[in-house]
Amino acid sequence: MDKRGIGGKGIRYPGRALLAGLMLAVSAAQAAEVYVYREPGGIRLFTDRQVRDPAYVFISKYGRPTAYTSCKGLSAAGLDARLRSYEDLIYKYAAQQQVEPALVKAVMRVESCFDHRAVSRVGARGLMQLMPGTAADLGVSDSFDPAQNIRGGVTYLRLMLDRFGNDQKLALAAYNAGPGAVTKHQGVPPFKETQAYVEKVRSHYQRYH
């Protein structure tokens, strides 16, 4: 859910504290891989391409955060029961941001299976899987608090809809892979996971609509 996105030339950040911000760029289905290198001067380079220069020290590689464990073993009835716990909050913040409640439900279903305690392997948290940097930008102090998480996630979804002319597919792709990737590819990025994410959300949207 990064507002910056990532590009082929990479993004340079001076410290670990901003790693979470970078990971927003590949927020909602292993859509892209991000490589982290240390440059000769000690600055960290975040890029979606491998660096062949031996002067750059490889540190780590990340994919889009997921919360698959939240969905394991749940029946449709169990999922619907979880959803009912949050419907009042969904309708409240969807109305405030003029986002369809069905779309919010669908995003939440794919992101966390309505598990407010869900944590991805790279730190995305809560019902709408907010990364710490995004949460802070949106004024969310506790991503595990359902009200705060839903408010933040719906606000971000509204921002993506506004940015891409209320095009649902593009907004969802941006929520997943970052708006920079959508702009770069002038449409839904050619990432299998992002494309699958968009279709999954839209399928659930039709059900909840």
N, C-alpha and C. Protein backbone atom coordinates (compact mmCIF):
# COMPACT_ATOMS: atom_id res chain seq x y z
N MET A 1 0.81 -1.19 0.00
CA MET A 1 0.00 0.00 0.00
C MET A 1 0.85 1.25 0.00
N ASP A 2 1.96 1.20 -0.65
CA ASP A 2 2.86 2.34 -0.62
C ASP A 2 2.38 3.43 -1.56
N LYS A 3 2.41 4.66 -1.11
CA LYS A 3 2.02 5.78 -1.95
C LYS A 3 3.10 6.07 -2.99
N ARG A 4 4.32 5.60 -2.74
CA ARG A 4 5.41 5.88 -3.65
C ARG A 4 5.52 4.83 -4.73
N GLY A 5 5.30 3.58 -4.38
CA GLY A 5 5.55 2.49 -5.31
C GLY A 5 7.05 2.28 -5.43
N ILE A 6 7.47 1.35 -6.31
CA ILE A 6 8.88 1.11 -6.51
C ILE A 6 9.17 1.09 -7.98
N GLY A 7 10.35 1.44 -8.35
CA GLY A 7 10.71 1.49 -9.75
C GLY A 7 11.97 0.70 -10.01
N GLY A 8 12.29 0.53 -11.28
CA GLY A 8 13.43 -0.27 -11.65
C GLY A 8 14.74 0.26 -11.10
N LYS A 9 14.87 1.58 -10.90
CA LYS A 9 16.12 2.14 -10.41
C LYS A 9 16.26 2.03 -8.91
N GLY A 10 15.18 1.68 -8.22
CA GLY A 10 15.23 1.49 -6.79
C GLY A 10 15.03 2.77 -6.01
N ILE A 11 14.88 2.60 -4.70
CA ILE A 11 14.69 3.72 -3.79
C ILE A 11 15.74 3.61 -2.71
N ARG A 12 16.39 4.73 -2.39
CA ARG A 12 17.44 4.71 -1.38
C ARG A 12 16.93 5.32 -0.09
N TYR A 13 17.10 4.59 0.99
CA TYR A 13 16.71 5.07 2.31
C TYR A 13 17.89 4.92 3.25
N PRO A 14 18.05 5.83 4.21
CA PRO A 14 19.23 5.83 5.05
C PRO A 14 19.20 4.89 6.25
N GLY A 15 18.13 4.17 6.52
CA GLY A 15 18.15 3.32 7.70
C GLY A 15 17.03 2.31 7.74
N ARG A 16 17.09 1.43 8.75
CA ARG A 16 16.12 0.36 8.88
C ARG A 16 14.72 0.88 9.18
N ALA A 17 14.63 2.01 9.82
CA ALA A 17 13.33 2.51 10.26
C ALA A 17 12.37 2.68 9.11
N LEU A 18 12.91 2.88 7.90
CA LEU A 18 12.02 3.12 6.77
C LEU A 18 11.74 1.86 5.97
N LEU A 19 12.21 0.72 6.45
CA LEU A 19 11.91 -0.53 5.75
C LEU A 19 10.43 -0.77 5.65
N ALA A 20 9.70 -0.49 6.73
CA ALA A 20 8.25 -0.70 6.71
C ALA A 20 7.60 0.15 5.64
N GLY A 21 8.07 1.38 5.46
CA GLY A 21 7.50 2.24 4.42
C GLY A 21 7.70 1.66 3.05
N LEU A 22 8.89 1.11 2.81
CA LEU A 22 9.15 0.48 1.52
C LEU A 22 8.24 -0.71 1.28
N MET A 23 7.99 -1.51 2.34
CA MET A 23 7.20 -2.70 2.16
C MET A 23 5.76 -2.41 1.80
N LEU A 24 5.32 -1.18 2.01
CA LEU A 24 3.97 -0.82 1.59
C LEU A 24 3.85 -0.92 0.08
N ALA A 25 4.97 -0.79 -0.61
CA ALA A 25 4.95 -0.80 -2.06
C ALA A 25 4.53 -2.15 -2.61
N VAL A 26 4.69 -3.19 -1.80
CA VAL A 26 4.36 -4.51 -2.30
C VAL A 26 3.30 -5.14 -1.43
N SER A 27 2.49 -4.29 -0.84
CA SER A 27 1.42 -4.72 0.00
C SER A 27 0.40 -5.57 -0.68
N ALA A 28 -0.27 -6.45 -0.91
CA ALA A 28 -1.35 -7.40 -0.79
C ALA A 28 -1.29 -8.59 -1.66
N ALA A 29 -0.34 -9.20 -2.18
CA ALA A 29 -0.21 -10.57 -2.65
C ALA A 29 1.12 -10.80 -3.32
N GLN A 30 2.19 -10.94 -2.77
CA GLN A 30 3.45 -11.30 -3.37
C GLN A 30 3.54 -10.85 -4.81
N ALA A 31 3.01 -9.64 -5.07
CA ALA A 31 2.93 -9.16 -6.43
C ALA A 31 4.28 -8.85 -7.02
N ALA A 32 5.19 -8.39 -6.20
CA ALA A 32 6.52 -8.06 -6.68
C ALA A 32 7.50 -8.43 -5.59
N GLU A 33 8.76 -8.62 -5.99
CA GLU A 33 9.79 -8.88 -5.00
C GLU A 33 10.65 -7.64 -4.86
N VAL A 34 11.06 -7.36 -3.65
CA VAL A 34 11.89 -6.21 -3.37
C VAL A 34 13.22 -6.70 -2.82
N TYR A 35 14.30 -6.24 -3.44
CA TYR A 35 15.64 -6.61 -3.02
C TYR A 35 16.24 -5.45 -2.22
N VAL A 36 16.90 -5.79 -1.14
CA VAL A 36 17.53 -4.78 -0.29
C VAL A 36 19.04 -4.97 -0.34
N TYR A 37 19.76 -3.89 -0.70
CA TYR A 37 21.20 -3.93 -0.78
C TYR A 37 21.81 -2.79 0.05
N ARG A 38 23.06 -2.97 0.44
CA ARG A 38 23.80 -1.90 1.08
C ARG A 38 24.79 -1.36 0.06
N GLU A 39 24.67 -0.07 -0.23
CA GLU A 39 25.58 0.55 -1.18
C GLU A 39 26.96 0.74 -0.57
N PRO A 40 27.97 0.99 -1.40
CA PRO A 40 29.32 1.19 -0.88
C PRO A 40 29.40 2.26 0.21
N GLY A 41 28.57 3.28 0.13
CA GLY A 41 28.59 4.35 1.13
C GLY A 41 27.78 4.05 2.37
N GLY A 42 27.15 2.87 2.42
CA GLY A 42 26.38 2.48 3.59
C GLY A 42 24.89 2.73 3.49
N ILE A 43 24.46 3.45 2.46
CA ILE A 43 23.03 3.71 2.27
C ILE A 43 22.35 2.46 1.75
N ARG A 44 21.13 2.22 2.21
CA ARG A 44 20.38 1.04 1.75
C ARG A 44 19.61 1.35 0.47
N LEU A 45 19.65 0.41 -0.43
CA LEU A 45 18.95 0.52 -1.71
C LEU A 45 17.84 -0.51 -1.74
N PHE A 46 16.61 -0.05 -2.01
CA PHE A 46 15.45 -0.93 -2.17
C PHE A 46 15.06 -0.90 -3.64
N THR A 47 15.03 -2.06 -4.28
CA THR A 47 14.75 -2.10 -5.70
C THR A 47 14.00 -3.37 -6.06
N ASP A 48 13.26 -3.33 -7.19
CA ASP A 48 12.56 -4.52 -7.64
C ASP A 48 13.39 -5.30 -8.66
N ARG A 49 14.69 -4.98 -8.78
CA ARG A 49 15.58 -5.69 -9.68
C ARG A 49 16.85 -6.09 -8.95
N GLN A 50 17.41 -7.21 -9.35
CA GLN A 50 18.66 -7.65 -8.74
C GLN A 50 19.80 -6.75 -9.19
N VAL A 51 20.70 -6.47 -8.28
CA VAL A 51 21.86 -5.63 -8.58
C VAL A 51 23.07 -6.55 -8.77
N ARG A 52 23.73 -6.43 -9.90
CA ARG A 52 24.85 -7.31 -10.23
C ARG A 52 26.20 -6.74 -9.78
N ASP A 53 26.23 -5.47 -9.42
CA ASP A 53 27.47 -4.83 -9.00
C ASP A 53 27.98 -5.46 -7.70
N PRO A 54 29.18 -6.05 -7.69
CA PRO A 54 29.69 -6.70 -6.47
C PRO A 54 29.93 -5.74 -5.31
N ALA A 55 29.96 -4.43 -5.59
CA ALA A 55 30.16 -3.46 -4.52
C ALA A 55 28.91 -3.31 -3.66
N TYR A 56 27.77 -3.79 -4.17
CA TYR A 56 26.51 -3.72 -3.44
C TYR A 56 26.32 -5.02 -2.66
N VAL A 57 26.15 -4.90 -1.36
CA VAL A 57 26.01 -6.08 -0.50
C VAL A 57 24.53 -6.44 -0.36
N PHE A 58 24.18 -7.67 -0.78
CA PHE A 58 22.79 -8.14 -0.67
C PHE A 58 22.44 -8.34 0.80
N ILE A 59 21.26 -7.83 1.20
CA ILE A 59 20.81 -7.97 2.59
C ILE A 59 19.63 -8.92 2.69
N SER A 60 18.59 -8.68 1.92
CA SER A 60 17.40 -9.52 2.03
C SER A 60 16.49 -9.32 0.84
N LYS A 61 15.46 -10.15 0.77
CA LYS A 61 14.46 -10.06 -0.30
C LYS A 61 13.09 -10.27 0.32
N TYR A 62 12.12 -9.49 -0.13
CA TYR A 62 10.78 -9.58 0.43
C TYR A 62 9.75 -9.73 -0.69
N GLY A 63 8.63 -10.35 -0.32
CA GLY A 63 7.48 -10.40 -1.21
C GLY A 63 6.31 -9.71 -0.53
N ARG A 64 5.23 -9.66 -1.19
CA ARG A 64 4.05 -8.99 -0.67
C ARG A 64 3.54 -9.69 0.60
N PRO A 65 3.20 -8.95 1.66
CA PRO A 65 2.71 -9.58 2.88
C PRO A 65 1.38 -10.30 2.69
N THR A 66 1.23 -11.41 3.37
CA THR A 66 -0.02 -12.16 3.31
C THR A 66 -0.38 -12.64 4.71
N ALA A 67 -1.59 -13.08 4.90
CA ALA A 67 -2.03 -13.58 6.20
C ALA A 67 -2.83 -14.86 6.00
N TYR A 68 -2.23 -15.80 5.28
CA TYR A 68 -2.93 -17.02 4.92
C TYR A 68 -3.43 -17.80 6.13
N THR A 69 -2.65 -17.78 7.22
CA THR A 69 -3.02 -18.59 8.37
C THR A 69 -4.36 -18.18 8.97
N SER A 70 -4.77 -16.94 8.73
CA SER A 70 -6.05 -16.48 9.27
C SER A 70 -7.23 -17.17 8.60
N CYS A 71 -7.01 -17.74 7.43
CA CYS A 71 -8.11 -18.32 6.66
C CYS A 71 -8.19 -19.84 6.78
N LYS A 72 -7.14 -20.45 7.31
CA LYS A 72 -7.10 -21.91 7.33
C LYS A 72 -8.19 -22.51 8.22
N GLY A 73 -8.88 -23.50 7.67
CA GLY A 73 -9.85 -24.25 8.44
C GLY A 73 -11.16 -23.55 8.71
N LEU A 74 -11.36 -22.38 8.10
CA LEU A 74 -12.60 -21.63 8.35
C LEU A 74 -13.67 -22.00 7.32
N SER A 75 -14.86 -22.25 7.81
CA SER A 75 -15.99 -22.51 6.92
C SER A 75 -16.58 -21.18 6.48
N ALA A 76 -17.45 -21.25 5.48
CA ALA A 76 -18.14 -20.03 5.03
C ALA A 76 -18.96 -19.44 6.17
N ALA A 77 -19.57 -20.29 6.95
CA ALA A 77 -20.37 -19.81 8.09
C ALA A 77 -19.48 -19.11 9.12
N GLY A 78 -18.29 -19.67 9.33
CA GLY A 78 -17.36 -19.06 10.27
C GLY A 78 -16.90 -17.69 9.81
N LEU A 79 -16.64 -17.56 8.52
CA LEU A 79 -16.25 -16.28 7.95
C LEU A 79 -17.37 -15.26 8.08
N ASP A 80 -18.59 -15.69 7.79
CA ASP A 80 -19.74 -14.78 7.90
C ASP A 80 -19.95 -14.33 9.34
N ALA A 81 -19.69 -15.22 10.28
CA ALA A 81 -19.83 -14.86 11.69
C ALA A 81 -18.79 -13.80 12.07
N ARG A 82 -17.57 -13.96 11.58
CA ARG A 82 -16.54 -12.95 11.83
C ARG A 82 -16.94 -11.61 11.23
N LEU A 83 -17.43 -11.66 10.01
CA LEU A 83 -17.82 -10.44 9.33
C LEU A 83 -18.88 -9.68 10.11
N ARG A 84 -19.86 -10.38 10.64
CA ARG A 84 -20.96 -9.72 11.35
C ARG A 84 -20.45 -8.90 12.53
N SER A 85 -19.32 -9.31 13.10
CA SER A 85 -18.76 -8.58 14.24
C SER A 85 -18.30 -7.18 13.86
N TYR A 86 -18.03 -6.98 12.56
CA TYR A 86 -17.45 -5.71 12.12
C TYR A 86 -18.34 -4.91 11.18
N GLU A 87 -19.54 -5.41 10.92
CA GLU A 87 -20.38 -4.75 9.93
C GLU A 87 -20.73 -3.31 10.30
N ASP A 88 -21.01 -3.06 11.57
CA ASP A 88 -21.35 -1.69 11.97
C ASP A 88 -20.20 -0.74 11.67
N LEU A 89 -18.99 -1.15 11.98
CA LEU A 89 -17.83 -0.31 11.70
C LEU A 89 -17.61 -0.15 10.20
N ILE A 90 -17.81 -1.21 9.47
CA ILE A 90 -17.65 -1.14 8.01
C ILE A 90 -18.62 -0.13 7.42
N TYR A 91 -19.88 -0.21 7.81
CA TYR A 91 -20.86 0.73 7.26
C TYR A 91 -20.58 2.16 7.70
N LYS A 92 -20.11 2.32 8.93
CA LYS A 92 -19.82 3.65 9.44
C LYS A 92 -18.73 4.33 8.61
N TYR A 93 -17.60 3.66 8.45
CA TYR A 93 -16.48 4.29 7.75
C TYR A 93 -16.65 4.28 6.24
N ALA A 94 -17.36 3.30 5.72
CA ALA A 94 -17.66 3.30 4.29
C ALA A 94 -18.53 4.51 3.94
N ALA A 95 -19.49 4.83 4.81
CA ALA A 95 -20.34 5.99 4.57
C ALA A 95 -19.53 7.28 4.65
N GLN A 96 -18.63 7.37 5.62
CA GLN A 96 -17.81 8.57 5.77
C GLN A 96 -16.94 8.82 4.55
N GLN A 97 -16.41 7.75 3.98
CA GLN A 97 -15.49 7.88 2.84
C GLN A 97 -16.18 7.67 1.49
N GLN A 98 -17.48 7.42 1.51
CA GLN A 98 -18.23 7.16 0.29
C GLN A 98 -17.62 6.02 -0.53
N VAL A 99 -17.35 4.94 0.18
CA VAL A 99 -16.87 3.70 -0.44
C VAL A 99 -17.95 2.65 -0.24
N GLU A 100 -18.20 1.83 -1.23
CA GLU A 100 -19.22 0.80 -1.09
C GLU A 100 -18.86 -0.18 0.02
N PRO A 101 -19.78 -0.42 0.94
CA PRO A 101 -19.50 -1.40 2.00
C PRO A 101 -19.12 -2.76 1.44
N ALA A 102 -19.74 -3.16 0.34
CA ALA A 102 -19.43 -4.46 -0.26
C ALA A 102 -17.97 -4.54 -0.68
N LEU A 103 -17.41 -3.43 -1.13
CA LEU A 103 -16.01 -3.42 -1.55
C LEU A 103 -15.10 -3.52 -0.33
N VAL A 104 -15.45 -2.83 0.73
CA VAL A 104 -14.66 -2.91 1.96
C VAL A 104 -14.67 -4.35 2.50
N LYS A 105 -15.83 -4.96 2.51
CA LYS A 105 -15.94 -6.34 2.98
C LYS A 105 -15.08 -7.28 2.14
N ALA A 106 -15.11 -7.07 0.84
CA ALA A 106 -14.36 -7.94 -0.06
C ALA A 106 -12.86 -7.80 0.15
N VAL A 107 -12.39 -6.57 0.30
CA VAL A 107 -10.97 -6.35 0.55
C VAL A 107 -10.56 -7.00 1.87
N MET A 108 -11.38 -6.80 2.89
CA MET A 108 -11.08 -7.36 4.20
C MET A 108 -11.09 -8.89 4.15
N ARG A 109 -11.99 -9.45 3.41
CA ARG A 109 -12.07 -10.91 3.28
C ARG A 109 -10.79 -11.47 2.69
N VAL A 110 -10.28 -10.84 1.64
CA VAL A 110 -9.07 -11.33 0.99
C VAL A 110 -7.83 -11.02 1.82
N GLU A 111 -7.82 -9.87 2.46
CA GLU A 111 -6.63 -9.46 3.21
C GLU A 111 -6.42 -10.28 4.48
N SER A 112 -7.48 -10.52 5.24
CA SER A 112 -7.28 -11.12 6.57
C SER A 112 -8.30 -12.17 6.98
N CYS A 113 -9.28 -12.46 6.12
CA CYS A 113 -10.37 -13.35 6.52
C CYS A 113 -11.04 -12.85 7.80
N PHE A 114 -11.14 -11.53 7.93
CA PHE A 114 -11.83 -10.89 9.05
C PHE A 114 -11.20 -11.23 10.40
N ASP A 115 -9.89 -11.41 10.41
CA ASP A 115 -9.16 -11.69 11.64
C ASP A 115 -8.45 -10.40 12.08
N HIS A 116 -8.93 -9.78 13.14
CA HIS A 116 -8.35 -8.49 13.55
C HIS A 116 -6.96 -8.66 14.15
N ARG A 117 -6.54 -9.89 14.43
CA ARG A 117 -5.21 -10.15 14.98
C ARG A 117 -4.22 -10.61 13.91
N ALA A 118 -4.64 -10.65 12.67
CA ALA A 118 -3.79 -11.17 11.59
C ALA A 118 -2.51 -10.34 11.46
N VAL A 119 -1.40 -11.05 11.31
CA VAL A 119 -0.11 -10.40 11.09
C VAL A 119 0.59 -11.14 9.96
N SER A 120 1.03 -10.42 8.96
CA SER A 120 1.74 -11.05 7.85
C SER A 120 3.18 -11.30 8.23
N ARG A 121 3.89 -12.00 7.38
CA ARG A 121 5.28 -12.34 7.67
C ARG A 121 6.20 -11.13 7.60
N VAL A 122 5.73 -10.03 7.04
CA VAL A 122 6.56 -8.82 7.02
C VAL A 122 5.95 -7.69 7.83
N GLY A 123 4.93 -8.01 8.61
CA GLY A 123 4.44 -7.02 9.56
C GLY A 123 3.16 -6.30 9.25
N ALA A 124 2.47 -6.63 8.16
CA ALA A 124 1.16 -6.02 7.90
C ALA A 124 0.19 -6.52 8.95
N ARG A 125 -0.68 -5.63 9.42
CA ARG A 125 -1.47 -5.97 10.60
C ARG A 125 -2.96 -5.69 10.44
N GLY A 126 -3.72 -6.53 11.12
CA GLY A 126 -5.13 -6.26 11.29
C GLY A 126 -6.02 -6.63 10.14
N LEU A 127 -7.25 -6.20 10.25
CA LEU A 127 -8.30 -6.59 9.32
C LEU A 127 -8.00 -6.23 7.88
N MET A 128 -7.43 -5.05 7.66
CA MET A 128 -7.16 -4.60 6.29
C MET A 128 -5.67 -4.57 6.01
N GLN A 129 -4.90 -5.27 6.86
CA GLN A 129 -3.47 -5.49 6.65
C GLN A 129 -2.71 -4.20 6.35
N LEU A 130 -2.67 -3.33 7.35
CA LEU A 130 -1.93 -2.09 7.23
C LEU A 130 -0.49 -2.29 7.67
N MET A 131 0.44 -1.83 6.85
CA MET A 131 1.82 -1.80 7.27
C MET A 131 2.02 -0.65 8.24
N PRO A 132 2.99 -0.74 9.16
CA PRO A 132 3.16 0.31 10.16
C PRO A 132 3.29 1.71 9.60
N GLY A 133 4.02 1.86 8.51
CA GLY A 133 4.18 3.19 7.92
C GLY A 133 2.87 3.76 7.41
N THR A 134 2.10 2.94 6.73
CA THR A 134 0.80 3.37 6.23
C THR A 134 -0.12 3.70 7.39
N ALA A 135 -0.11 2.86 8.40
CA ALA A 135 -0.96 3.11 9.57
C ALA A 135 -0.63 4.46 10.19
N ALA A 136 0.64 4.74 10.34
CA ALA A 136 1.05 6.03 10.93
C ALA A 136 0.59 7.19 10.06
N ASP A 137 0.75 7.05 8.75
CA ASP A 137 0.32 8.12 7.83
C ASP A 137 -1.18 8.39 7.94
N LEU A 138 -1.92 7.34 8.25
CA LEU A 138 -3.38 7.45 8.31
C LEU A 138 -3.89 7.74 9.73
N GLY A 139 -2.98 7.95 10.66
CA GLY A 139 -3.38 8.26 12.02
C GLY A 139 -3.85 7.06 12.82
N VAL A 140 -3.43 5.87 12.41
CA VAL A 140 -3.81 4.64 13.12
C VAL A 140 -2.70 4.32 14.11
N SER A 141 -2.99 4.40 15.38
CA SER A 141 -1.99 4.13 16.41
C SER A 141 -1.97 2.67 16.84
N ASP A 142 -3.06 1.95 16.63
CA ASP A 142 -3.16 0.54 17.00
C ASP A 142 -3.86 -0.21 15.87
N SER A 143 -3.06 -0.88 15.05
CA SER A 143 -3.63 -1.58 13.89
C SER A 143 -4.46 -2.79 14.27
N PHE A 144 -4.34 -3.25 15.52
CA PHE A 144 -5.14 -4.39 15.96
C PHE A 144 -6.50 -3.95 16.51
N ASP A 145 -6.69 -2.66 16.64
CA ASP A 145 -7.99 -2.14 17.05
C ASP A 145 -8.89 -2.10 15.82
N PRO A 146 -9.98 -2.87 15.79
CA PRO A 146 -10.80 -2.95 14.59
C PRO A 146 -11.27 -1.60 14.06
N ALA A 147 -11.70 -0.72 14.95
CA ALA A 147 -12.21 0.57 14.50
C ALA A 147 -11.13 1.38 13.80
N GLN A 148 -9.95 1.44 14.41
CA GLN A 148 -8.85 2.20 13.80
C GLN A 148 -8.40 1.58 12.48
N ASN A 149 -8.29 0.26 12.46
CA ASN A 149 -7.81 -0.42 11.27
C ASN A 149 -8.78 -0.25 10.10
N ILE A 150 -10.06 -0.41 10.38
CA ILE A 150 -11.05 -0.27 9.31
C ILE A 150 -11.09 1.17 8.83
N ARG A 151 -11.05 2.12 9.75
CA ARG A 151 -11.03 3.54 9.34
C ARG A 151 -9.84 3.81 8.44
N GLY A 152 -8.65 3.34 8.85
CA GLY A 152 -7.46 3.58 8.05
C GLY A 152 -7.52 2.88 6.70
N GLY A 153 -7.95 1.62 6.69
CA GLY A 153 -8.01 0.89 5.44
C GLY A 153 -9.01 1.46 4.46
N VAL A 154 -10.17 1.87 4.96
CA VAL A 154 -11.19 2.45 4.08
C VAL A 154 -10.71 3.80 3.56
N THR A 155 -10.04 4.57 4.40
CA THR A 155 -9.49 5.85 3.95
C THR A 155 -8.48 5.65 2.83
N TYR A 156 -7.61 4.66 3.01
CA TYR A 156 -6.60 4.39 1.97
C TYR A 156 -7.26 3.91 0.68
N LEU A 157 -8.28 3.09 0.82
CA LEU A 157 -9.00 2.61 -0.36
C LEU A 157 -9.64 3.79 -1.09
N ARG A 158 -10.17 4.74 -0.35
CA ARG A 158 -10.75 5.94 -0.96
C ARG A 158 -9.69 6.74 -1.71
N LEU A 159 -8.50 6.84 -1.12
CA LEU A 159 -7.41 7.54 -1.78
C LEU A 159 -7.05 6.88 -3.11
N MET A 160 -7.04 5.56 -3.12
CA MET A 160 -6.71 4.85 -4.35
C MET A 160 -7.81 5.00 -5.40
N LEU A 161 -9.06 4.98 -4.96
CA LEU A 161 -10.16 5.21 -5.90
C LEU A 161 -10.08 6.61 -6.50
N ASP A 162 -9.78 7.59 -5.66
CA ASP A 162 -9.66 8.96 -6.16
C ASP A 162 -8.50 9.09 -7.14
N ARG A 163 -7.40 8.46 -6.80
CA ARG A 163 -6.20 8.58 -7.64
C ARG A 163 -6.41 7.98 -9.02
N PHE A 164 -7.21 6.92 -9.09
CA PHE A 164 -7.38 6.21 -10.36
C PHE A 164 -8.80 6.36 -10.91
N GLY A 165 -9.38 7.52 -10.68
CA GLY A 165 -10.65 7.87 -11.32
C GLY A 165 -11.79 6.93 -11.00
N ASN A 166 -11.83 6.41 -9.77
CA ASN A 166 -12.88 5.49 -9.35
C ASN A 166 -12.91 4.19 -10.15
N ASP A 167 -11.79 3.88 -10.79
CA ASP A 167 -11.68 2.60 -11.49
C ASP A 167 -11.40 1.53 -10.43
N GLN A 168 -12.36 0.65 -10.23
CA GLN A 168 -12.25 -0.32 -9.15
C GLN A 168 -11.04 -1.24 -9.32
N LYS A 169 -10.83 -1.72 -10.53
CA LYS A 169 -9.72 -2.63 -10.77
C LYS A 169 -8.39 -1.97 -10.47
N LEU A 170 -8.22 -0.74 -10.92
CA LEU A 170 -6.95 -0.05 -10.71
C LEU A 170 -6.75 0.28 -9.23
N ALA A 171 -7.83 0.68 -8.57
CA ALA A 171 -7.72 0.99 -7.14
C ALA A 171 -7.32 -0.25 -6.34
N LEU A 172 -7.90 -1.39 -6.68
CA LEU A 172 -7.55 -2.64 -5.99
C LEU A 172 -6.11 -3.05 -6.29
N ALA A 173 -5.72 -2.89 -7.54
CA ALA A 173 -4.34 -3.21 -7.90
C ALA A 173 -3.37 -2.33 -7.12
N ALA A 174 -3.73 -1.06 -6.95
CA ALA A 174 -2.89 -0.13 -6.20
C ALA A 174 -2.86 -0.49 -4.73
N TYR A 175 -3.99 -0.90 -4.18
CA TYR A 175 -4.04 -1.32 -2.79
C TYR A 175 -3.11 -2.51 -2.57
N ASN A 176 -3.02 -3.34 -3.60
CA ASN A 176 -2.21 -4.56 -3.52
C ASN A 176 -0.74 -4.34 -3.83
N ALA A 177 -0.45 -3.75 -4.97
CA ALA A 177 0.93 -3.67 -5.47
C ALA A 177 1.54 -2.29 -5.32
N GLY A 178 0.75 -1.31 -4.90
CA GLY A 178 1.24 0.06 -4.79
C GLY A 178 0.83 0.88 -6.00
N PRO A 179 0.43 2.12 -5.78
CA PRO A 179 0.00 2.98 -6.89
C PRO A 179 1.10 3.23 -7.91
N GLY A 180 2.35 3.22 -7.46
CA GLY A 180 3.45 3.43 -8.41
C GLY A 180 3.49 2.35 -9.47
N ALA A 181 3.21 1.11 -9.08
CA ALA A 181 3.22 0.00 -10.04
C ALA A 181 2.09 0.15 -11.05
N VAL A 182 0.93 0.60 -10.58
CA VAL A 182 -0.20 0.80 -11.49
C VAL A 182 0.10 1.91 -12.49
N THR A 183 0.68 2.99 -12.00
CA THR A 183 1.03 4.11 -12.89
C THR A 183 2.09 3.68 -13.90
N LYS A 184 3.09 2.97 -13.40
CA LYS A 184 4.18 2.52 -14.27
C LYS A 184 3.68 1.65 -15.41
N HIS A 185 2.75 0.75 -15.11
CA HIS A 185 2.27 -0.19 -16.12
C HIS A 185 1.00 0.30 -16.82
N GLN A 186 0.54 1.48 -16.42
CA GLN A 186 -0.65 2.07 -17.03
C GLN A 186 -1.84 1.11 -17.00
N GLY A 187 -1.99 0.46 -15.88
CA GLY A 187 -3.08 -0.49 -15.70
C GLY A 187 -2.72 -1.48 -14.61
N VAL A 188 -3.49 -2.55 -14.51
CA VAL A 188 -3.18 -3.58 -13.53
C VAL A 188 -1.82 -4.17 -13.88
N PRO A 189 -0.87 -4.14 -12.94
CA PRO A 189 0.48 -4.66 -13.22
C PRO A 189 0.45 -6.12 -13.66
N PRO A 190 1.42 -6.52 -14.46
CA PRO A 190 1.45 -7.90 -14.97
C PRO A 190 2.03 -8.88 -13.96
N PHE A 191 1.63 -8.73 -12.71
CA PHE A 191 2.06 -9.64 -11.66
C PHE A 191 0.93 -10.64 -11.42
N LYS A 192 1.24 -11.91 -11.46
CA LYS A 192 0.20 -12.94 -11.30
C LYS A 192 -0.57 -12.76 -10.00
N GLU A 193 0.16 -12.48 -8.93
CA GLU A 193 -0.51 -12.37 -7.64
C GLU A 193 -1.42 -11.15 -7.57
N THR A 194 -0.99 -10.05 -8.16
CA THR A 194 -1.84 -8.86 -8.17
C THR A 194 -3.08 -9.09 -8.99
N GLN A 195 -2.91 -9.70 -10.14
CA GLN A 195 -4.07 -9.99 -10.99
C GLN A 195 -5.04 -10.93 -10.29
N ALA A 196 -4.49 -11.93 -9.60
CA ALA A 196 -5.36 -12.85 -8.86
C ALA A 196 -6.05 -12.13 -7.72
N TYR A 197 -5.33 -11.23 -7.05
CA TYR A 197 -5.90 -10.48 -5.95
C TYR A 197 -7.09 -9.65 -6.41
N VAL A 198 -6.92 -8.95 -7.52
CA VAL A 198 -8.01 -8.12 -8.04
C VAL A 198 -9.23 -8.97 -8.34
N GLU A 199 -9.02 -10.10 -8.96
CA GLU A 199 -10.15 -10.96 -9.31
C GLU A 199 -10.82 -11.55 -8.07
N LYS A 200 -10.02 -11.92 -7.08
CA LYS A 200 -10.60 -12.46 -5.85
C LYS A 200 -11.46 -11.43 -5.15
N VAL A 201 -10.93 -10.22 -5.03
CA VAL A 201 -11.69 -9.17 -4.36
C VAL A 201 -12.97 -8.87 -5.12
N ARG A 202 -12.89 -8.77 -6.43
CA ARG A 202 -14.08 -8.47 -7.22
C ARG A 202 -15.11 -9.59 -7.15
N SER A 203 -14.64 -10.83 -7.03
CA SER A 203 -15.56 -11.95 -6.89
C SER A 203 -16.32 -11.85 -5.57
N HIS A 204 -15.60 -11.56 -4.49
CA HIS A 204 -16.26 -11.40 -3.20
C HIS A 204 -17.15 -10.16 -3.18
N TYR A 205 -16.73 -9.14 -3.89
CA TYR A 205 -17.53 -7.93 -3.99
C TYR A 205 -18.91 -8.24 -4.58
N GLN A 206 -18.93 -9.05 -5.62
CA GLN A 206 -20.20 -9.42 -6.23
C GLN A 206 -21.08 -10.16 -5.23
N ARG A 207 -20.47 -10.96 -4.40
CA ARG A 207 -21.23 -11.71 -3.41
C ARG A 207 -21.82 -10.79 -2.35
N TYR A 208 -21.03 -9.83 -1.90
CA TYR A 208 -21.48 -8.94 -0.83
C TYR A 208 -22.34 -7.79 -1.35
N HIS A 209 -22.29 -7.53 -2.64
CA HIS A 209 -22.98 -6.38 -3.20
C HIS A 209 -24.51 -6.50 -3.02
